[in-house]
Amino acid sequence: MYVAVVLALVSPPGGAVADELSERLGVAARTLERWRAWWSRDFVATPFWQAMRSRFPVPVVSARLPQSLLEHFDAGSTAQRLVQLLRFIAPLSTCAVSK
């Protein structure tokens, strides 16, 4: 399921692809758009990301988030890279970091 969410986030907005992903995931197209907006606007503005982005030897392309960030994790499969990405952003789920 998590891999499907990442695929939804890295897919082009709108059009038949977005409609199909929305239907397959059982998620409203507006929800997919909110997720994309969170990565492209909200995530990049967090103090967490401002502090952490310089730790990557090759810059993460903000316009391609979350795919660009996912590609920076070294694991055998997409699912394993996704787990690494989720662990990386886990601090964002706490009140102290999200303020």
N, C-alpha and C. Protein backbone atom coordinates (compact mmCIF):
# COMPACT_ATOMS: atom_id res chain seq x y z
N MET A 1 0.82 -1.20 0.00
CA MET A 1 0.00 0.00 0.00
C MET A 1 0.86 1.25 0.00
N TYR A 2 1.93 1.27 0.82
CA TYR A 2 2.77 2.46 0.88
C TYR A 2 3.42 2.74 -0.47
N VAL A 3 3.82 1.69 -1.18
CA VAL A 3 4.41 1.88 -2.50
C VAL A 3 3.40 2.53 -3.42
N ALA A 4 2.15 2.14 -3.33
CA ALA A 4 1.10 2.74 -4.15
C ALA A 4 0.96 4.22 -3.85
N VAL A 5 1.09 4.59 -2.58
CA VAL A 5 0.99 6.00 -2.22
C VAL A 5 2.14 6.78 -2.84
N VAL A 6 3.36 6.24 -2.77
CA VAL A 6 4.49 6.93 -3.39
C VAL A 6 4.28 7.06 -4.88
N LEU A 7 3.79 6.02 -5.53
CA LEU A 7 3.51 6.11 -6.96
C LEU A 7 2.50 7.20 -7.25
N ALA A 8 1.51 7.32 -6.38
CA ALA A 8 0.51 8.37 -6.55
C ALA A 8 1.15 9.74 -6.43
N LEU A 9 2.08 9.87 -5.51
CA LEU A 9 2.71 11.17 -5.28
C LEU A 9 3.68 11.57 -6.38
N VAL A 10 4.29 10.59 -7.03
CA VAL A 10 5.27 10.93 -8.06
C VAL A 10 4.65 10.96 -9.44
N SER A 11 3.40 10.59 -9.56
CA SER A 11 2.75 10.62 -10.85
C SER A 11 2.40 12.06 -11.23
N PRO A 12 2.26 12.30 -12.52
CA PRO A 12 1.88 13.65 -12.94
C PRO A 12 0.50 14.02 -12.40
N PRO A 13 0.31 15.26 -11.98
CA PRO A 13 -1.00 15.66 -11.48
C PRO A 13 -2.04 15.71 -12.60
N GLY A 14 -3.25 15.37 -12.26
CA GLY A 14 -4.35 15.46 -13.21
C GLY A 14 -4.30 14.37 -14.27
N GLY A 15 -5.29 14.36 -15.11
CA GLY A 15 -5.33 13.44 -16.24
C GLY A 15 -5.74 12.03 -15.87
N ALA A 16 -5.62 11.15 -16.86
CA ALA A 16 -6.07 9.77 -16.71
C ALA A 16 -5.26 9.01 -15.66
N VAL A 17 -3.95 9.28 -15.57
CA VAL A 17 -3.11 8.58 -14.59
C VAL A 17 -3.57 8.91 -13.18
N ALA A 18 -3.80 10.17 -12.91
CA ALA A 18 -4.26 10.58 -11.58
C ALA A 18 -5.63 9.99 -11.28
N ASP A 19 -6.51 9.96 -12.27
CA ASP A 19 -7.84 9.39 -12.07
C ASP A 19 -7.75 7.90 -11.74
N GLU A 20 -6.88 7.19 -12.47
CA GLU A 20 -6.72 5.75 -12.23
C GLU A 20 -6.14 5.49 -10.84
N LEU A 21 -5.12 6.25 -10.45
CA LEU A 21 -4.54 6.08 -9.12
C LEU A 21 -5.54 6.39 -8.03
N SER A 22 -6.31 7.43 -8.23
CA SER A 22 -7.34 7.80 -7.27
C SER A 22 -8.32 6.64 -7.09
N GLU A 23 -8.73 6.06 -8.19
CA GLU A 23 -9.69 4.95 -8.13
C GLU A 23 -9.06 3.71 -7.50
N ARG A 24 -7.84 3.37 -7.92
CA ARG A 24 -7.18 2.16 -7.39
C ARG A 24 -6.90 2.26 -5.90
N LEU A 25 -6.53 3.44 -5.43
CA LEU A 25 -6.22 3.62 -4.02
C LEU A 25 -7.46 3.90 -3.18
N GLY A 26 -8.55 4.21 -3.86
CA GLY A 26 -9.74 4.58 -3.12
C GLY A 26 -9.58 5.91 -2.41
N VAL A 27 -8.81 6.79 -3.02
CA VAL A 27 -8.49 8.10 -2.44
C VAL A 27 -8.98 9.17 -3.40
N ALA A 28 -9.63 10.17 -2.88
CA ALA A 28 -10.13 11.26 -3.72
C ALA A 28 -8.98 11.98 -4.41
N ALA A 29 -9.23 12.44 -5.62
CA ALA A 29 -8.22 13.18 -6.37
C ALA A 29 -7.76 14.41 -5.59
N ARG A 30 -8.68 15.03 -4.86
CA ARG A 30 -8.31 16.20 -4.03
C ARG A 30 -7.29 15.81 -2.96
N THR A 31 -7.42 14.60 -2.43
CA THR A 31 -6.47 14.13 -1.42
C THR A 31 -5.08 13.96 -2.03
N LEU A 32 -5.02 13.39 -3.23
CA LEU A 32 -3.74 13.25 -3.92
C LEU A 32 -3.11 14.61 -4.15
N GLU A 33 -3.91 15.58 -4.52
CA GLU A 33 -3.40 16.94 -4.73
C GLU A 33 -2.88 17.54 -3.42
N ARG A 34 -3.57 17.28 -2.32
CA ARG A 34 -3.09 17.78 -1.02
C ARG A 34 -1.76 17.15 -0.66
N TRP A 35 -1.61 15.85 -0.95
CA TRP A 35 -0.33 15.19 -0.67
C TRP A 35 0.78 15.81 -1.50
N ARG A 36 0.51 16.06 -2.77
CA ARG A 36 1.52 16.70 -3.63
C ARG A 36 1.87 18.09 -3.11
N ALA A 37 0.85 18.83 -2.70
CA ALA A 37 1.09 20.17 -2.17
C ALA A 37 1.91 20.11 -0.90
N TRP A 38 1.67 19.12 -0.06
CA TRP A 38 2.44 18.99 1.18
C TRP A 38 3.91 18.80 0.85
N TRP A 39 4.22 17.93 -0.09
CA TRP A 39 5.63 17.70 -0.45
C TRP A 39 6.24 18.93 -1.11
N SER A 40 5.52 19.55 -2.01
CA SER A 40 6.12 20.64 -2.79
C SER A 40 6.13 21.98 -2.07
N ARG A 41 5.24 22.18 -1.12
CA ARG A 41 5.15 23.48 -0.44
C ARG A 41 5.45 23.36 1.05
N ASP A 42 4.71 22.54 1.76
CA ASP A 42 4.82 22.47 3.21
C ASP A 42 6.10 21.78 3.68
N PHE A 43 6.40 20.61 3.12
CA PHE A 43 7.58 19.87 3.54
C PHE A 43 8.85 20.67 3.34
N VAL A 44 9.01 21.27 2.17
CA VAL A 44 10.26 22.01 1.89
C VAL A 44 10.43 23.23 2.78
N ALA A 45 9.35 23.70 3.39
CA ALA A 45 9.42 24.88 4.26
C ALA A 45 9.67 24.52 5.73
N THR A 46 9.66 23.24 6.06
CA THR A 46 9.84 22.86 7.46
C THR A 46 11.28 23.09 7.92
N PRO A 47 11.46 23.48 9.17
CA PRO A 47 12.82 23.58 9.72
C PRO A 47 13.56 22.25 9.63
N PHE A 48 12.83 21.14 9.77
CA PHE A 48 13.43 19.82 9.65
C PHE A 48 14.12 19.67 8.30
N TRP A 49 13.41 19.95 7.21
CA TRP A 49 13.98 19.79 5.88
C TRP A 49 15.09 20.81 5.64
N GLN A 50 14.92 22.01 6.13
CA GLN A 50 15.96 23.03 5.96
C GLN A 50 17.27 22.56 6.59
N ALA A 51 17.18 21.86 7.73
CA ALA A 51 18.38 21.37 8.41
C ALA A 51 18.93 20.09 7.78
N MET A 52 18.05 19.25 7.29
CA MET A 52 18.47 17.92 6.83
C MET A 52 18.89 17.85 5.36
N ARG A 53 18.40 18.74 4.53
CA ARG A 53 18.67 18.61 3.10
C ARG A 53 20.14 18.72 2.74
N SER A 54 20.91 19.43 3.52
CA SER A 54 22.33 19.57 3.22
C SER A 54 23.13 18.32 3.57
N ARG A 55 22.53 17.38 4.24
CA ARG A 55 23.22 16.14 4.62
C ARG A 55 23.32 15.13 3.48
N PHE A 56 22.64 15.39 2.40
CA PHE A 56 22.71 14.49 1.25
C PHE A 56 23.87 14.92 0.35
N PRO A 57 24.73 13.97 -0.03
CA PRO A 57 25.89 14.35 -0.85
C PRO A 57 25.49 14.90 -2.22
N VAL A 58 24.40 14.39 -2.76
CA VAL A 58 23.86 14.89 -4.02
C VAL A 58 22.55 15.60 -3.66
N PRO A 59 22.38 16.84 -4.10
CA PRO A 59 21.16 17.58 -3.72
C PRO A 59 19.88 16.86 -4.13
N VAL A 60 18.88 16.95 -3.28
CA VAL A 60 17.55 16.44 -3.56
C VAL A 60 16.84 17.51 -4.39
N VAL A 61 16.22 17.09 -5.48
CA VAL A 61 15.51 18.02 -6.36
C VAL A 61 14.13 18.27 -5.77
N SER A 62 13.93 19.45 -5.23
CA SER A 62 12.67 19.78 -4.55
C SER A 62 11.46 19.64 -5.46
N ALA A 63 11.61 19.96 -6.73
CA ALA A 63 10.49 19.87 -7.65
C ALA A 63 10.05 18.43 -7.91
N ARG A 64 10.90 17.48 -7.53
CA ARG A 64 10.57 16.06 -7.77
C ARG A 64 10.31 15.29 -6.48
N LEU A 65 10.00 15.99 -5.40
CA LEU A 65 9.70 15.31 -4.14
C LEU A 65 8.35 14.61 -4.24
N PRO A 66 8.19 13.48 -3.63
CA PRO A 66 9.11 12.72 -2.80
C PRO A 66 10.02 11.77 -3.56
N GLN A 67 9.79 11.63 -4.88
CA GLN A 67 10.58 10.68 -5.67
C GLN A 67 12.07 10.97 -5.56
N SER A 68 12.45 12.22 -5.67
CA SER A 68 13.86 12.58 -5.60
C SER A 68 14.48 12.18 -4.26
N LEU A 69 13.74 12.34 -3.19
CA LEU A 69 14.23 11.95 -1.88
C LEU A 69 14.30 10.43 -1.76
N LEU A 70 13.30 9.76 -2.26
CA LEU A 70 13.26 8.30 -2.23
C LEU A 70 14.48 7.71 -2.94
N GLU A 71 14.90 8.32 -4.02
CA GLU A 71 16.04 7.83 -4.79
C GLU A 71 17.36 7.95 -4.02
N HIS A 72 17.40 8.75 -2.98
CA HIS A 72 18.62 8.93 -2.19
C HIS A 72 18.84 7.85 -1.14
N PHE A 73 17.84 7.03 -0.92
CA PHE A 73 17.99 5.97 0.06
C PHE A 73 18.45 4.70 -0.64
N ASP A 74 19.45 4.06 -0.03
CA ASP A 74 20.08 2.90 -0.64
C ASP A 74 19.52 1.64 -0.02
N ALA A 75 18.67 0.96 -0.75
CA ALA A 75 18.08 -0.29 -0.28
C ALA A 75 17.79 -1.16 -1.49
N GLY A 76 17.55 -2.42 -1.24
CA GLY A 76 17.36 -3.37 -2.31
C GLY A 76 16.09 -3.19 -3.12
N SER A 77 15.04 -2.71 -2.50
CA SER A 77 13.77 -2.61 -3.21
C SER A 77 13.12 -1.26 -2.95
N THR A 78 12.13 -0.94 -3.75
CA THR A 78 11.39 0.30 -3.57
C THR A 78 10.72 0.32 -2.21
N ALA A 79 10.17 -0.83 -1.81
CA ALA A 79 9.50 -0.91 -0.50
C ALA A 79 10.49 -0.63 0.63
N GLN A 80 11.70 -1.15 0.53
CA GLN A 80 12.71 -0.91 1.57
C GLN A 80 13.15 0.55 1.58
N ARG A 81 13.28 1.14 0.41
CA ARG A 81 13.63 2.58 0.34
C ARG A 81 12.52 3.41 0.94
N LEU A 82 11.28 3.00 0.70
CA LEU A 82 10.15 3.72 1.26
C LEU A 82 10.17 3.67 2.78
N VAL A 83 10.50 2.52 3.34
CA VAL A 83 10.60 2.40 4.80
C VAL A 83 11.68 3.36 5.31
N GLN A 84 12.81 3.43 4.61
CA GLN A 84 13.87 4.36 5.01
C GLN A 84 13.40 5.80 4.95
N LEU A 85 12.67 6.14 3.89
CA LEU A 85 12.14 7.51 3.76
C LEU A 85 11.17 7.82 4.89
N LEU A 86 10.29 6.87 5.20
CA LEU A 86 9.32 7.10 6.28
C LEU A 86 10.02 7.26 7.63
N ARG A 87 11.07 6.49 7.85
CA ARG A 87 11.85 6.65 9.09
C ARG A 87 12.54 8.01 9.12
N PHE A 88 13.03 8.44 7.97
CA PHE A 88 13.70 9.73 7.87
C PHE A 88 12.76 10.87 8.23
N ILE A 89 11.52 10.84 7.72
CA ILE A 89 10.60 11.94 7.98
C ILE A 89 9.76 11.75 9.24
N ALA A 90 9.96 10.64 9.94
CA ALA A 90 9.19 10.37 11.17
C ALA A 90 9.24 11.51 12.18
N PRO A 91 10.37 12.22 12.34
CA PRO A 91 10.37 13.32 13.30
C PRO A 91 9.34 14.41 12.99
N LEU A 92 8.89 14.48 11.76
CA LEU A 92 7.87 15.48 11.41
C LEU A 92 6.52 15.19 12.06
N SER A 93 6.36 13.99 12.57
CA SER A 93 5.08 13.64 13.20
C SER A 93 5.00 14.08 14.64
N THR A 94 6.06 14.69 15.16
CA THR A 94 6.03 15.18 16.54
C THR A 94 5.74 16.68 16.56
N CYS A 95 5.14 17.14 17.60
CA CYS A 95 4.79 18.55 17.74
C CYS A 95 6.02 19.44 17.73
N ALA A 96 7.09 19.00 18.35
CA ALA A 96 8.29 19.84 18.48
C ALA A 96 8.89 20.17 17.13
N VAL A 97 8.86 19.24 16.19
CA VAL A 97 9.46 19.46 14.87
C VAL A 97 8.51 20.20 13.95
N SER A 98 7.24 19.95 14.06
CA SER A 98 6.30 20.52 13.10
C SER A 98 5.97 21.97 13.35
N LYS A 99 6.44 22.53 14.46
CA LYS A 99 6.15 23.95 14.74
C LYS A 99 7.11 24.85 14.04
